[in-house]
Protein backbone atom coordinates (compact mmCIF):
# COMPACT_ATOMS: atom_id res chain seq x y z
CA MET A 1 21.81 -9.23 -20.59
CA ARG A 2 20.14 -7.24 -17.83
CA THR A 3 22.45 -5.82 -15.26
CA ASP A 4 19.56 -5.74 -12.57
CA ASP A 5 17.69 -8.91 -12.11
CA ARG A 6 16.07 -7.87 -8.91
CA LEU A 7 12.27 -8.20 -8.41
CA TRP A 8 9.84 -5.36 -8.22
CA ALA A 9 7.06 -5.29 -5.64
CA LEU A 10 3.54 -4.70 -6.95
CA VAL A 11 1.01 -3.46 -4.30
CA PRO A 12 -2.74 -3.34 -5.36
CA VAL A 13 -4.61 -0.81 -3.25
CA LYS A 14 -8.44 -0.27 -3.17
CA ARG A 15 -9.93 2.87 -2.12
CA PHE A 16 -9.48 3.36 1.71
CA GLY A 17 -13.30 4.13 1.97
CA SER A 18 -14.08 0.57 0.71
CA ALA A 19 -11.29 -1.35 2.54
CA LYS A 20 -11.52 -3.72 5.41
CA GLN A 21 -15.30 -4.31 4.97
CA ARG A 22 -15.19 -7.54 7.13
CA LEU A 23 -14.41 -5.33 10.05
CA ALA A 24 -17.59 -3.19 9.66
CA ALA A 25 -19.25 -4.69 12.76
CA ALA A 26 -16.22 -3.62 14.92
CA LEU A 27 -15.05 -0.34 13.21
CA ASP A 28 -16.98 2.53 11.56
CA HIS A 29 -16.20 3.74 8.06
CA SER A 30 -13.62 6.26 8.97
CA MET A 31 -11.77 4.00 11.40
CA ARG A 32 -11.50 1.32 8.64
CA ALA A 33 -10.25 3.99 6.16
CA ARG A 34 -7.56 5.10 8.66
CA LEU A 35 -6.57 1.44 9.41
CA ALA A 36 -6.15 0.83 5.67
CA ARG A 37 -4.02 3.83 5.25
CA ALA A 38 -1.83 2.97 8.24
CA LEU A 39 -1.32 -0.78 7.04
CA LEU A 40 -0.27 0.69 3.49
CA ALA A 41 2.09 3.15 5.15
CA ASP A 42 3.62 0.34 7.15
CA LEU A 43 3.89 -1.94 4.23
CA LEU A 44 5.55 0.66 2.09
CA ASP A 45 8.09 1.46 4.88
CA VAL A 46 9.08 -2.28 4.94
CA LEU A 47 9.27 -2.57 1.25
CA LYS A 48 11.40 0.55 0.48
CA GLY A 49 14.00 -0.81 3.08
CA ASP A 50 14.28 -4.15 1.19
CA ALA A 51 17.50 -4.04 -0.68
CA LEU A 52 16.56 -7.14 -2.68
CA LEU A 53 13.79 -5.17 -4.54
CA ALA A 54 14.47 -2.99 -7.61
CA GLY A 55 11.53 -0.92 -6.67
CA VAL A 56 7.81 -0.73 -5.60
CA LEU A 57 4.86 -0.14 -7.87
CA VAL A 58 1.52 0.87 -6.25
CA ALA A 59 -1.56 0.37 -8.31
CA CYS A 60 -4.42 2.40 -7.05
CA GLU A 61 -7.19 4.81 -7.59
CA GLU A 62 -6.91 6.22 -3.96
CA PRO A 63 -5.29 9.80 -3.95
CA GLN A 64 -4.07 9.23 -0.28
CA ALA A 65 -2.39 5.93 -1.32
CA ALA A 66 -0.76 7.54 -4.39
CA ALA A 67 0.58 10.32 -2.11
CA LEU A 68 2.05 7.80 0.27
CA ALA A 69 3.61 5.93 -2.57
CA ARG A 70 5.27 9.18 -3.81
CA GLU A 71 6.78 9.80 -0.36
């Protein structure tokens, strides 16, 4: 029997440069990338504070997202 039955959070992340495409009319490329990075940082902060989770897995090809996840 497993001693830790808590769930893991899986966070898929696309490259920041291709994130938030629907906002292209309002935000330029770099602003959308910064927004995606900020949203991920906020989400990771919330998830790491959740005692109900065993851990957080981030699936990405974005180097900045991987760096945020390691922090």
